[in-house]
Amino acid sequence: MARKKKVETYDIPEWAIYFLEYWESDGLTEEEVDMITDFVEDKFPLGYTMDVHFDDYRDLDFYPAFGQACKTVKVDFYSRKR
């Protein structure tokens, strides 16, 4: 049985949350999808689950986990390990 381990908390752009959860890119540009995919491949090569804290956000975050300054939401990511 695979165990989950809390990896880290990131400030994720609000526009990326739906894609990270469901991998549906409706409304996103190819560049945005590439940014999210690169982030996931770099940080969670074995996969992840996440816990989104919608009540913990910044209206304008100059240093999101990826992309340009925007509204971000705190997200705890749990990676899979063997």
N, C-alpha and C. Protein backbone atom coordinates (compact mmCIF):
# COMPACT_ATOMS: atom_id res chain seq x y z
N MET A 1 0.84 -1.17 0.00
CA MET A 1 0.00 0.00 0.00
C MET A 1 0.88 1.24 0.00
N ALA A 2 0.57 2.19 -0.88
CA ALA A 2 1.35 3.41 -0.96
C ALA A 2 0.99 4.34 0.19
N ARG A 3 1.98 4.96 0.74
CA ARG A 3 1.76 5.93 1.81
C ARG A 3 1.79 7.33 1.24
N LYS A 4 1.04 8.22 1.85
CA LYS A 4 1.07 9.62 1.44
C LYS A 4 1.93 10.38 2.43
N LYS A 5 2.70 11.32 1.91
CA LYS A 5 3.57 12.11 2.74
C LYS A 5 3.35 13.58 2.39
N LYS A 6 3.14 14.42 3.39
CA LYS A 6 3.00 15.84 3.10
C LYS A 6 4.32 16.37 2.59
N VAL A 7 4.27 16.95 1.44
CA VAL A 7 5.49 17.47 0.84
C VAL A 7 5.70 18.92 1.22
N GLU A 8 4.74 19.75 0.84
CA GLU A 8 4.93 21.17 1.07
C GLU A 8 3.63 21.92 0.78
N THR A 9 3.59 23.14 1.26
CA THR A 9 2.47 24.02 0.97
C THR A 9 2.94 25.05 -0.04
N TYR A 10 2.13 25.24 -1.07
CA TYR A 10 2.46 26.20 -2.12
C TYR A 10 1.33 27.20 -2.29
N ASP A 11 1.70 28.40 -2.74
CA ASP A 11 0.72 29.42 -3.13
C ASP A 11 0.43 29.19 -4.61
N ILE A 12 -0.70 28.59 -4.89
CA ILE A 12 -1.06 28.18 -6.24
C ILE A 12 -2.00 29.22 -6.86
N PRO A 13 -1.75 29.62 -8.11
CA PRO A 13 -2.67 30.53 -8.77
C PRO A 13 -4.09 29.97 -8.76
N GLU A 14 -5.03 30.82 -8.42
CA GLU A 14 -6.43 30.37 -8.33
C GLU A 14 -6.90 29.75 -9.64
N TRP A 15 -6.45 30.28 -10.76
CA TRP A 15 -6.89 29.78 -12.06
C TRP A 15 -6.41 28.36 -12.34
N ALA A 16 -5.43 27.87 -11.59
CA ALA A 16 -4.85 26.55 -11.83
C ALA A 16 -5.46 25.44 -10.97
N ILE A 17 -6.23 25.79 -9.96
CA ILE A 17 -6.75 24.81 -9.01
C ILE A 17 -7.59 23.73 -9.69
N TYR A 18 -8.50 24.13 -10.55
CA TYR A 18 -9.39 23.16 -11.20
C TYR A 18 -8.60 22.17 -12.05
N PHE A 19 -7.61 22.68 -12.78
CA PHE A 19 -6.79 21.80 -13.60
C PHE A 19 -6.00 20.81 -12.74
N LEU A 20 -5.43 21.28 -11.65
CA LEU A 20 -4.67 20.40 -10.76
C LEU A 20 -5.54 19.31 -10.15
N GLU A 21 -6.80 19.61 -9.93
CA GLU A 21 -7.71 18.64 -9.33
C GLU A 21 -8.27 17.66 -10.36
N TYR A 22 -8.68 18.17 -11.52
CA TYR A 22 -9.41 17.34 -12.49
C TYR A 22 -8.69 17.13 -13.82
N TRP A 23 -7.59 17.81 -14.06
CA TRP A 23 -6.83 17.72 -15.30
C TRP A 23 -7.68 18.04 -16.52
N GLU A 24 -8.58 19.00 -16.37
CA GLU A 24 -9.38 19.50 -17.48
C GLU A 24 -8.94 20.94 -17.76
N SER A 25 -8.59 21.19 -18.99
CA SER A 25 -7.96 22.47 -19.33
C SER A 25 -8.90 23.50 -19.93
N ASP A 26 -10.20 23.33 -19.79
CA ASP A 26 -11.15 24.30 -20.34
C ASP A 26 -10.83 25.71 -19.84
N GLY A 27 -10.68 26.63 -20.76
CA GLY A 27 -10.44 28.02 -20.41
C GLY A 27 -8.99 28.38 -20.19
N LEU A 28 -8.09 27.42 -20.20
CA LEU A 28 -6.67 27.70 -20.00
C LEU A 28 -5.95 27.77 -21.34
N THR A 29 -4.92 28.59 -21.39
CA THR A 29 -4.09 28.65 -22.59
C THR A 29 -3.11 27.48 -22.57
N GLU A 30 -2.51 27.22 -23.71
CA GLU A 30 -1.50 26.17 -23.79
C GLU A 30 -0.32 26.49 -22.88
N GLU A 31 0.04 27.76 -22.79
CA GLU A 31 1.14 28.19 -21.93
C GLU A 31 0.83 27.91 -20.45
N GLU A 32 -0.40 28.19 -20.03
CA GLU A 32 -0.80 27.93 -18.64
C GLU A 32 -0.77 26.43 -18.33
N VAL A 33 -1.27 25.63 -19.25
CA VAL A 33 -1.25 24.18 -19.06
C VAL A 33 0.19 23.69 -18.96
N ASP A 34 1.07 24.22 -19.79
CA ASP A 34 2.49 23.84 -19.74
C ASP A 34 3.13 24.21 -18.41
N MET A 35 2.80 25.39 -17.87
CA MET A 35 3.34 25.82 -16.58
C MET A 35 2.92 24.86 -15.47
N ILE A 36 1.65 24.52 -15.46
CA ILE A 36 1.14 23.61 -14.42
C ILE A 36 1.77 22.23 -14.56
N THR A 37 1.83 21.73 -15.78
CA THR A 37 2.40 20.41 -16.03
C THR A 37 3.87 20.36 -15.63
N ASP A 38 4.63 21.40 -15.96
CA ASP A 38 6.04 21.46 -15.56
C ASP A 38 6.18 21.45 -14.04
N PHE A 39 5.33 22.21 -13.35
CA PHE A 39 5.35 22.26 -11.89
C PHE A 39 5.11 20.86 -11.30
N VAL A 40 4.08 20.19 -11.79
CA VAL A 40 3.73 18.86 -11.28
C VAL A 40 4.84 17.84 -11.57
N GLU A 41 5.36 17.84 -12.79
CA GLU A 41 6.41 16.89 -13.15
C GLU A 41 7.67 17.11 -12.32
N ASP A 42 7.98 18.37 -12.02
CA ASP A 42 9.17 18.69 -11.24
C ASP A 42 9.00 18.33 -9.76
N LYS A 43 7.86 18.66 -9.19
CA LYS A 43 7.66 18.49 -7.75
C LYS A 43 7.09 17.13 -7.35
N PHE A 44 6.27 16.52 -8.21
CA PHE A 44 5.54 15.30 -7.83
C PHE A 44 5.59 14.25 -8.94
N PRO A 45 6.76 13.75 -9.26
CA PRO A 45 6.86 12.79 -10.37
C PRO A 45 6.08 11.49 -10.15
N LEU A 46 5.79 11.14 -8.91
CA LEU A 46 5.06 9.90 -8.62
C LEU A 46 3.57 10.15 -8.39
N GLY A 47 3.14 11.38 -8.54
CA GLY A 47 1.74 11.73 -8.33
C GLY A 47 1.53 12.45 -7.01
N TYR A 48 0.32 12.91 -6.80
CA TYR A 48 0.01 13.70 -5.60
C TYR A 48 -1.48 13.68 -5.33
N THR A 49 -1.80 14.09 -4.13
CA THR A 49 -3.15 14.52 -3.77
C THR A 49 -2.97 15.89 -3.13
N MET A 50 -4.06 16.62 -3.03
CA MET A 50 -3.91 17.97 -2.50
C MET A 50 -5.09 18.36 -1.63
N ASP A 51 -4.82 19.29 -0.74
CA ASP A 51 -5.82 19.84 0.16
C ASP A 51 -5.81 21.35 -0.05
N VAL A 52 -6.87 21.89 -0.63
CA VAL A 52 -6.95 23.31 -0.96
C VAL A 52 -7.58 24.07 0.20
N HIS A 53 -6.93 25.14 0.62
CA HIS A 53 -7.42 25.99 1.71
C HIS A 53 -7.99 27.28 1.12
N PHE A 54 -9.23 27.20 0.63
CA PHE A 54 -9.83 28.34 -0.05
C PHE A 54 -9.95 29.57 0.83
N ASP A 55 -9.97 29.39 2.14
CA ASP A 55 -10.07 30.53 3.05
C ASP A 55 -8.71 31.18 3.33
N ASP A 56 -7.64 30.59 2.82
CA ASP A 56 -6.28 31.12 3.01
C ASP A 56 -5.74 31.53 1.64
N TYR A 57 -5.98 32.78 1.28
CA TYR A 57 -5.62 33.25 -0.06
C TYR A 57 -4.99 34.63 0.01
N ARG A 58 -4.38 35.02 -1.12
CA ARG A 58 -3.84 36.37 -1.28
C ARG A 58 -4.46 36.93 -2.55
N ASP A 59 -5.02 38.12 -2.47
CA ASP A 59 -5.63 38.74 -3.64
C ASP A 59 -4.61 39.07 -4.72
N LEU A 60 -3.40 39.43 -4.32
CA LEU A 60 -2.34 39.70 -5.27
C LEU A 60 -1.03 39.17 -4.70
N ASP A 61 -0.57 38.07 -5.24
CA ASP A 61 0.67 37.43 -4.80
C ASP A 61 1.71 37.63 -5.90
N PHE A 62 2.79 38.30 -5.56
CA PHE A 62 3.84 38.55 -6.55
C PHE A 62 4.75 37.34 -6.75
N TYR A 63 4.64 36.33 -5.89
CA TYR A 63 5.51 35.16 -5.98
C TYR A 63 4.72 33.86 -5.90
N PRO A 64 3.82 33.61 -6.86
CA PRO A 64 3.09 32.33 -6.86
C PRO A 64 4.03 31.18 -7.18
N ALA A 65 3.58 29.97 -6.99
CA ALA A 65 4.40 28.78 -7.27
C ALA A 65 4.83 28.74 -8.74
N PHE A 66 4.03 29.31 -9.61
CA PHE A 66 4.37 29.43 -11.03
C PHE A 66 3.50 30.51 -11.63
N GLY A 67 3.94 31.05 -12.77
CA GLY A 67 3.17 32.08 -13.46
C GLY A 67 3.44 33.48 -12.93
N GLN A 68 2.64 34.41 -13.41
CA GLN A 68 2.78 35.81 -13.04
C GLN A 68 1.97 36.12 -11.79
N ALA A 69 2.18 37.31 -11.27
CA ALA A 69 1.44 37.76 -10.08
C ALA A 69 -0.06 37.64 -10.32
N CYS A 70 -0.76 37.11 -9.31
CA CYS A 70 -2.20 36.88 -9.43
C CYS A 70 -2.75 36.51 -8.05
N LYS A 71 -4.04 36.22 -7.99
CA LYS A 71 -4.65 35.73 -6.75
C LYS A 71 -4.20 34.28 -6.56
N THR A 72 -3.76 33.96 -5.33
CA THR A 72 -3.32 32.60 -5.04
C THR A 72 -4.07 32.03 -3.84
N VAL A 73 -4.05 30.72 -3.76
CA VAL A 73 -4.67 29.97 -2.68
C VAL A 73 -3.63 29.02 -2.11
N LYS A 74 -3.59 28.87 -0.79
CA LYS A 74 -2.67 27.91 -0.16
C LYS A 74 -3.14 26.49 -0.43
N VAL A 75 -2.21 25.65 -0.87
CA VAL A 75 -2.53 24.26 -1.17
C VAL A 75 -1.47 23.37 -0.54
N ASP A 76 -1.91 22.39 0.25
CA ASP A 76 -1.01 21.36 0.78
C ASP A 76 -0.98 20.22 -0.23
N PHE A 77 0.22 19.82 -0.63
CA PHE A 77 0.39 18.71 -1.56
C PHE A 77 0.96 17.53 -0.81
N TYR A 78 0.44 16.36 -1.10
CA TYR A 78 0.91 15.11 -0.53
C TYR A 78 1.40 14.25 -1.67
N SER A 79 2.66 13.87 -1.63
CA SER A 79 3.21 13.06 -2.71
C SER A 79 3.06 11.58 -2.40
N ARG A 80 3.08 10.80 -3.42
CA ARG A 80 3.07 9.35 -3.26
C ARG A 80 4.50 8.88 -3.17
N LYS A 81 4.73 7.95 -2.31
CA LYS A 81 6.07 7.37 -2.24
C LYS A 81 5.92 5.86 -2.21
N ARG A 82 6.92 5.19 -2.64
CA ARG A 82 6.87 3.73 -2.73
C ARG A 82 7.08 3.08 -1.41
